[in-house]
Amino acid sequence: MRVKCVICDKIEGIEDESLEAKRLRNRPIHTYMCNDCSLRISEKTKARIDSGNFRFYRARSEKDDW
């Protein structure tokens, strides 16, 4: 299966029977990101977390309500 990275537009091939290929076929909203872009984003996120200027926002749950 040929896939295109949403960030760098690099076209790669993945196995048709892989779990990632099945997810992309069955749920069109899911997008593919190549390993280089994924690694770059995770490194930059870790650096922002370590700097202290990063805040995690989570969805409010029923436990948070008064």
PDB file of N, CA and C in Angstrom:
ATOM      1  N   MET A   1       0.860  -1.172   0.000  1.00  0.00           N
ATOM      2  CA  MET A   1       0.000   0.000   0.000  1.00  0.00           C
ATOM      3  C   MET A   1       0.899   1.225   0.000  1.00  0.00           C
ATOM      4  N   ARG A   2       0.598   2.167  -0.848  1.00  0.00           N
ATOM      5  CA  ARG A   2       1.349   3.413  -0.893  1.00  0.00           C
ATOM      6  C   ARG A   2       0.652   4.442  -0.020  1.00  0.00           C
ATOM      7  N   VAL A   3       1.430   5.113   0.813  1.00  0.00           N
ATOM      8  CA  VAL A   3       0.893   6.124   1.713  1.00  0.00           C
ATOM      9  C   VAL A   3       1.737   7.383   1.605  1.00  0.00           C
ATOM     10  N   LYS A   4       1.139   8.507   1.962  1.00  0.00           N
ATOM     11  CA  LYS A   4       1.815   9.798   1.869  1.00  0.00           C
ATOM     12  C   LYS A   4       1.803  10.463   3.244  1.00  0.00           C
ATOM     13  N   CYS A   5       2.959  10.931   3.688  1.00  0.00           N
ATOM     14  CA  CYS A   5       3.072  11.596   4.981  1.00  0.00           C
ATOM     15  C   CYS A   5       2.322  12.932   4.919  1.00  0.00           C
ATOM     16  N   VAL A   6       1.582  13.249   5.955  1.00  0.00           N
ATOM     17  CA  VAL A   6       0.793  14.477   5.961  1.00  0.00           C
ATOM     18  C   VAL A   6       1.655  15.709   6.203  1.00  0.00           C
ATOM     19  N   ILE A   7       2.862  15.541   6.708  1.00  0.00           N
ATOM     20  CA  ILE A   7       3.709  16.687   7.022  1.00  0.00           C
ATOM     21  C   ILE A   7       4.694  16.978   5.899  1.00  0.00           C
ATOM     22  N   CYS A   8       5.470  15.980   5.497  1.00  0.00           N
ATOM     23  CA  CYS A   8       6.531  16.225   4.514  1.00  0.00           C
ATOM     24  C   CYS A   8       6.154  15.779   3.104  1.00  0.00           C
ATOM     25  N   ASP A   9       5.004  15.178   2.899  1.00  0.00           N
ATOM     26  CA  ASP A   9       4.510  14.705   1.607  1.00  0.00           C
ATOM     27  C   ASP A   9       5.402  13.642   0.968  1.00  0.00           C
ATOM     28  N   LYS A  10       6.151  12.906   1.780  1.00  0.00           N
ATOM     29  CA  LYS A  10       6.984  11.816   1.271  1.00  0.00           C
ATOM     30  C   LYS A  10       6.098  10.598   1.079  1.00  0.00           C
ATOM     31  N   ILE A  11       6.240   9.938  -0.057  1.00  0.00           N
ATOM     32  CA  ILE A  11       5.444   8.753  -0.358  1.00  0.00           C
ATOM     33  C   ILE A  11       6.260   7.525   0.020  1.00  0.00           C
ATOM     34  N   GLU A  12       5.650   6.643   0.807  1.00  0.00           N
ATOM     35  CA  GLU A  12       6.289   5.406   1.262  1.00  0.00           C
ATOM     36  C   GLU A  12       5.360   4.242   1.002  1.00  0.00           C
ATOM     37  N   GLY A  13       5.903   3.068   1.105  1.00  0.00           N
ATOM     38  CA  GLY A  13       5.116   1.857   0.953  1.00  0.00           C
ATOM     39  C   GLY A  13       5.060   1.096   2.266  1.00  0.00           C
ATOM     40  N   ILE A  14       3.877   0.628   2.635  1.00  0.00           N
ATOM     41  CA  ILE A  14       3.727  -0.221   3.815  1.00  0.00           C
ATOM     42  C   ILE A  14       3.037  -1.500   3.376  1.00  0.00           C
ATOM     43  N   GLU A  15       3.187  -2.543   4.166  1.00  0.00           N
ATOM     44  CA  GLU A  15       2.586  -3.835   3.821  1.00  0.00           C
ATOM     45  C   GLU A  15       1.065  -3.739   3.863  1.00  0.00           C
ATOM     46  N   ASP A  16       0.429  -4.388   2.902  1.00  0.00           N
ATOM     47  CA  ASP A  16      -1.039  -4.352   2.820  1.00  0.00           C
ATOM     48  C   ASP A  16      -1.698  -5.013   4.018  1.00  0.00           C
ATOM     49  N   GLU A  17      -1.061  -6.012   4.594  1.00  0.00           N
ATOM     50  CA  GLU A  17      -1.677  -6.754   5.698  1.00  0.00           C
ATOM     51  C   GLU A  17      -1.300  -6.203   7.065  1.00  0.00           C
ATOM     52  N   SER A  18      -0.582  -5.108   7.123  1.00  0.00           N
ATOM     53  CA  SER A  18      -0.161  -4.569   8.421  1.00  0.00           C
ATOM     54  C   SER A  18      -1.337  -3.897   9.137  1.00  0.00           C
ATOM     55  N   LEU A  19      -1.196  -3.775  10.437  1.00  0.00           N
ATOM     56  CA  LEU A  19      -2.250  -3.156  11.243  1.00  0.00           C
ATOM     57  C   LEU A  19      -2.444  -1.689  10.855  1.00  0.00           C
ATOM     58  N   GLU A  20      -1.348  -1.007  10.571  1.00  0.00           N
ATOM     59  CA  GLU A  20      -1.440   0.406  10.185  1.00  0.00           C
ATOM     60  C   GLU A  20      -2.196   0.578   8.867  1.00  0.00           C
ATOM     61  N   ALA A  21      -1.955  -0.309   7.908  1.00  0.00           N
ATOM     62  CA  ALA A  21      -2.661  -0.251   6.630  1.00  0.00           C
ATOM     63  C   ALA A  21      -4.153  -0.514   6.823  1.00  0.00           C
ATOM     64  N   LYS A  22      -4.481  -1.433   7.695  1.00  0.00           N
ATOM     65  CA  LYS A  22      -5.891  -1.731   7.961  1.00  0.00           C
ATOM     66  C   LYS A  22      -6.584  -0.525   8.591  1.00  0.00           C
ATOM     67  N   ARG A  23      -5.911   0.142   9.524  1.00  0.00           N
ATOM     68  CA  ARG A  23      -6.497   1.330  10.147  1.00  0.00           C
ATOM     69  C   ARG A  23      -6.725   2.434   9.125  1.00  0.00           C
ATOM     70  N   LEU A  24      -5.767   2.618   8.225  1.00  0.00           N
ATOM     71  CA  LEU A  24      -5.910   3.667   7.217  1.00  0.00           C
ATOM     72  C   LEU A  24      -7.039   3.351   6.239  1.00  0.00           C
ATOM     73  N   ARG A  25      -7.214   2.083   5.910  1.00  0.00           N
ATOM     74  CA  ARG A  25      -8.293   1.708   4.983  1.00  0.00           C
ATOM     75  C   ARG A  25      -9.661   1.844   5.629  1.00  0.00           C
ATOM     76  N   ASN A  26      -9.794   1.414   6.868  1.00  0.00           N
ATOM     77  CA  ASN A  26     -11.105   1.347   7.512  1.00  0.00           C
ATOM     78  C   ASN A  26     -11.543   2.661   8.149  1.00  0.00           C
ATOM     79  N   ARG A  27     -10.602   3.522   8.470  1.00  0.00           N
ATOM     80  CA  ARG A  27     -10.947   4.804   9.092  1.00  0.00           C
ATOM     81  C   ARG A  27     -10.242   5.913   8.324  1.00  0.00           C
ATOM     82  N   PRO A  28     -10.896   6.493   7.349  1.00  0.00           N
ATOM     83  CA  PRO A  28     -10.242   7.494   6.496  1.00  0.00           C
ATOM     84  C   PRO A  28      -9.791   8.744   7.245  1.00  0.00           C
ATOM     85  N   ILE A  29     -10.311   9.001   8.422  1.00  0.00           N
ATOM     86  CA  ILE A  29      -9.914  10.193   9.174  1.00  0.00           C
ATOM     87  C   ILE A  29      -8.486  10.046   9.701  1.00  0.00           C
ATOM     88  N   HIS A  30      -8.007   8.799   9.865  1.00  0.00           N
ATOM     89  CA  HIS A  30      -6.641   8.574  10.323  1.00  0.00           C
ATOM     90  C   HIS A  30      -5.672   8.953   9.222  1.00  0.00           C
ATOM     91  N   THR A  31      -4.570   9.540   9.595  1.00  0.00           N
ATOM     92  CA  THR A  31      -3.582   9.965   8.623  1.00  0.00           C
ATOM     93  C   THR A  31      -2.260   9.261   8.890  1.00  0.00           C
ATOM     94  N   TYR A  32      -1.398   9.233   7.887  1.00  0.00           N
ATOM     95  CA  TYR A  32      -0.113   8.569   7.994  1.00  0.00           C
ATOM     96  C   TYR A  32       0.972   9.612   8.218  1.00  0.00           C
ATOM     97  N   MET A  33       1.893   9.304   9.123  1.00  0.00           N
ATOM     98  CA  MET A  33       3.053  10.155   9.354  1.00  0.00           C
ATOM     99  C   MET A  33       4.289   9.263   9.289  1.00  0.00           C
ATOM    100  N   CYS A  34       5.278   9.669   8.500  1.00  0.00           N
ATOM    101  CA  CYS A  34       6.481   8.851   8.344  1.00  0.00           C
ATOM    102  C   CYS A  34       7.274   8.819   9.653  1.00  0.00           C
ATOM    103  N   ASN A  35       8.195   7.882   9.738  1.00  0.00           N
ATOM    104  CA  ASN A  35       8.975   7.714  10.964  1.00  0.00           C
ATOM    105  C   ASN A  35       9.844   8.927  11.260  1.00  0.00           C
ATOM    106  N   ASP A  36      10.396   9.561  10.224  1.00  0.00           N
ATOM    107  CA  ASP A  36      11.245  10.737  10.432  1.00  0.00           C
ATOM    108  C   ASP A  36      10.458  11.879  11.075  1.00  0.00           C
ATOM    109  N   CYS A  37       9.277  12.161  10.566  1.00  0.00           N
ATOM    110  CA  CYS A  37       8.450  13.238  11.118  1.00  0.00           C
ATOM    111  C   CYS A  37       7.968  12.896  12.521  1.00  0.00           C
ATOM    112  N   SER A  38       7.596  11.647  12.730  1.00  0.00           N
ATOM    113  CA  SER A  38       7.129  11.228  14.041  1.00  0.00           C
ATOM    114  C   SER A  38       8.231  11.362  15.079  1.00  0.00           C
ATOM    115  N   LEU A  39       9.438  10.956  14.723  1.00  0.00           N
ATOM    116  CA  LEU A  39      10.575  11.066  15.631  1.00  0.00           C
ATOM    117  C   LEU A  39      10.911  12.529  15.927  1.00  0.00           C
ATOM    118  N   ARG A  40      10.881  13.360  14.890  1.00  0.00           N
ATOM    119  CA  ARG A  40      11.177  14.782  15.064  1.00  0.00           C
ATOM    120  C   ARG A  40      10.163  15.455  15.988  1.00  0.00           C
ATOM    121  N   ILE A  41       8.897  15.153  15.832  1.00  0.00           N
ATOM    122  CA  ILE A  41       7.854  15.743  16.664  1.00  0.00           C
ATOM    123  C   ILE A  41       7.992  15.278  18.110  1.00  0.00           C
ATOM    124  N   SER A  42       8.275  13.987  18.304  1.00  0.00           N
ATOM    125  CA  SER A  42       8.403  13.490  19.674  1.00  0.00           C
ATOM    126  C   SER A  42       9.614  14.095  20.375  1.00  0.00           C
ATOM    127  N   GLU A  43      10.723  14.288  19.663  1.00  0.00           N
ATOM    128  CA  GLU A  43      11.906  14.911  20.266  1.00  0.00           C
ATOM    129  C   GLU A  43      11.627  16.361  20.662  1.00  0.00           C
ATOM    130  N   LYS A  44      10.959  17.104  19.783  1.00  0.00           N
ATOM    131  CA  LYS A  44      10.667  18.507  20.082  1.00  0.00           C
ATOM    132  C   LYS A  44       9.665  18.628  21.222  1.00  0.00           C
ATOM    133  N   THR A  45       8.718  17.707  21.304  1.00  0.00           N
ATOM    134  CA  THR A  45       7.752  17.728  22.399  1.00  0.00           C
ATOM    135  C   THR A  45       8.437  17.443  23.727  1.00  0.00           C
ATOM    136  N   LYS A  46       9.331  16.470  23.737  1.00  0.00           N
ATOM    137  CA  LYS A  46      10.069  16.160  24.964  1.00  0.00           C
ATOM    138  C   LYS A  46      10.922  17.348  25.398  1.00  0.00           C
ATOM    139  N   ALA A  47      11.513  18.056  24.438  1.00  0.00           N
ATOM    140  CA  ALA A  47      12.320  19.232  24.772  1.00  0.00           C
ATOM    141  C   ALA A  47      11.446  20.335  25.362  1.00  0.00           C
ATOM    142  N   ARG A  48      10.229  20.518  24.845  1.00  0.00           N
ATOM    143  CA  ARG A  48       9.321  21.533  25.393  1.00  0.00           C
ATOM    144  C   ARG A  48       8.856  21.159  26.787  1.00  0.00           C
ATOM    145  N   ILE A  49       8.603  19.881  27.017  1.00  0.00           N
ATOM    146  CA  ILE A  49       8.194  19.438  28.353  1.00  0.00           C
ATOM    147  C   ILE A  49       9.318  19.702  29.353  1.00  0.00           C
ATOM    148  N   ASP A  50      10.547  19.403  28.964  1.00  0.00           N
ATOM    149  CA  ASP A  50      11.685  19.619  29.845  1.00  0.00           C
ATOM    150  C   ASP A  50      11.949  21.090  30.119  1.00  0.00           C
ATOM    151  N   SER A  51      11.566  21.968  29.186  1.00  0.00           N
ATOM    152  CA  SER A  51      11.809  23.400  29.379  1.00  0.00           C
ATOM    153  C   SER A  51      10.866  24.006  30.413  1.00  0.00           C
ATOM    154  N   GLY A  52       9.730  23.372  30.669  1.00  0.00           N
ATOM    155  CA  GLY A  52       8.780  23.889  31.644  1.00  0.00           C
ATOM    156  C   GLY A  52       7.726  24.801  31.036  1.00  0.00           C
ATOM    157  N   ASN A  53       7.789  25.069  29.751  1.00  0.00           N
ATOM    158  CA  ASN A  53       6.809  25.936  29.087  1.00  0.00           C
ATOM    159  C   ASN A  53       5.737  25.132  28.363  1.00  0.00           C
ATOM    160  N   PHE A  54       5.466  23.957  28.840  1.00  0.00           N
ATOM    161  CA  PHE A  54       4.503  23.077  28.204  1.00  0.00           C
ATOM    162  C   PHE A  54       3.472  22.674  29.235  1.00  0.00           C
ATOM    163  N   ARG A  55       2.216  22.783  28.901  1.00  0.00           N
ATOM    164  CA  ARG A  55       1.147  22.453  29.827  1.00  0.00           C
ATOM    165  C   ARG A  55       0.244  21.399  29.190  1.00  0.00           C
ATOM    166  N   PHE A  56       0.012  20.316  29.906  1.00  0.00           N
ATOM    167  CA  PHE A  56      -0.886  19.281  29.428  1.00  0.00           C
ATOM    168  C   PHE A  56      -2.323  19.703  29.706  1.00  0.00           C
ATOM    169  N   TYR A  57      -3.155  19.679  28.700  1.00  0.00           N
ATOM    170  CA  TYR A  57      -4.578  19.939  28.866  1.00  0.00           C
ATOM    171  C   TYR A  57      -5.309  18.627  28.650  1.00  0.00           C
ATOM    172  N   ARG A  58      -6.195  18.319  29.556  1.00  0.00           N
ATOM    173  CA  ARG A  58      -6.966  17.104  29.408  1.00  0.00           C
ATOM    174  C   ARG A  58      -8.441  17.461  29.440  1.00  0.00           C
ATOM    175  N   ALA A  59      -9.236  16.577  28.905  1.00  0.00           N
ATOM    176  CA  ALA A  59     -10.671  16.799  28.866  1.00  0.00           C
ATOM    177  C   ALA A  59     -11.226  16.706  30.289  1.00  0.00           C
ATOM    178  N   ARG A  60     -12.231  17.496  30.558  1.00  0.00           N
ATOM    179  CA  ARG A  60     -12.844  17.444  31.872  1.00  0.00           C
ATOM    180  C   ARG A  60     -13.663  16.175  31.997  1.00  0.00           C
ATOM    181  N   SER A  61     -13.591  15.551  33.128  1.00  0.00           N
ATOM    182  CA  SER A  61     -14.379  14.362  33.381  1.00  0.00           C
ATOM    183  C   SER A  61     -15.479  14.692  34.384  1.00  0.00           C
ATOM    184  N   GLU A  62     -16.348  13.749  34.591  1.00  0.00           N
ATOM    185  CA  GLU A  62     -17.438  13.969  35.536  1.00  0.00           C
ATOM    186  C   GLU A  62     -16.923  14.108  36.958  1.00  0.00           C
ATOM    187  N   LYS A  63     -15.760  13.556  37.242  1.00  0.00           N
ATOM    188  CA  LYS A  63     -15.177  13.649  38.581  1.00  0.00           C
ATOM    189  C   LYS A  63     -14.753  15.080  38.904  1.00  0.00           C
ATOM    190  N   ASP A  64     -14.405  15.862  37.854  1.00  0.00           N
ATOM    191  CA  ASP A  64     -13.974  17.231  38.063  1.00  0.00           C
ATOM    192  C   ASP A  64     -15.113  18.179  38.391  1.00  0.00           C
ATOM    193  N   ASP A  65     -16.330  17.792  38.000  1.00  0.00           N
ATOM    194  CA  ASP A  65     -17.471  18.668  38.272  1.00  0.00           C
ATOM    195  C   ASP A  65     -17.815  18.670  39.745  1.00  0.00           C
ATOM    196  N   TRP A  66     -18.350  19.737  40.202  1.00  0.00           N
ATOM    197  CA  TRP A  66     -18.686  19.871  41.612  1.00  0.00           C
ATOM    198  C   TRP A  66     -19.961  19.218  41.870  1.00  0.00           C
TER     199      TRP A  66
END
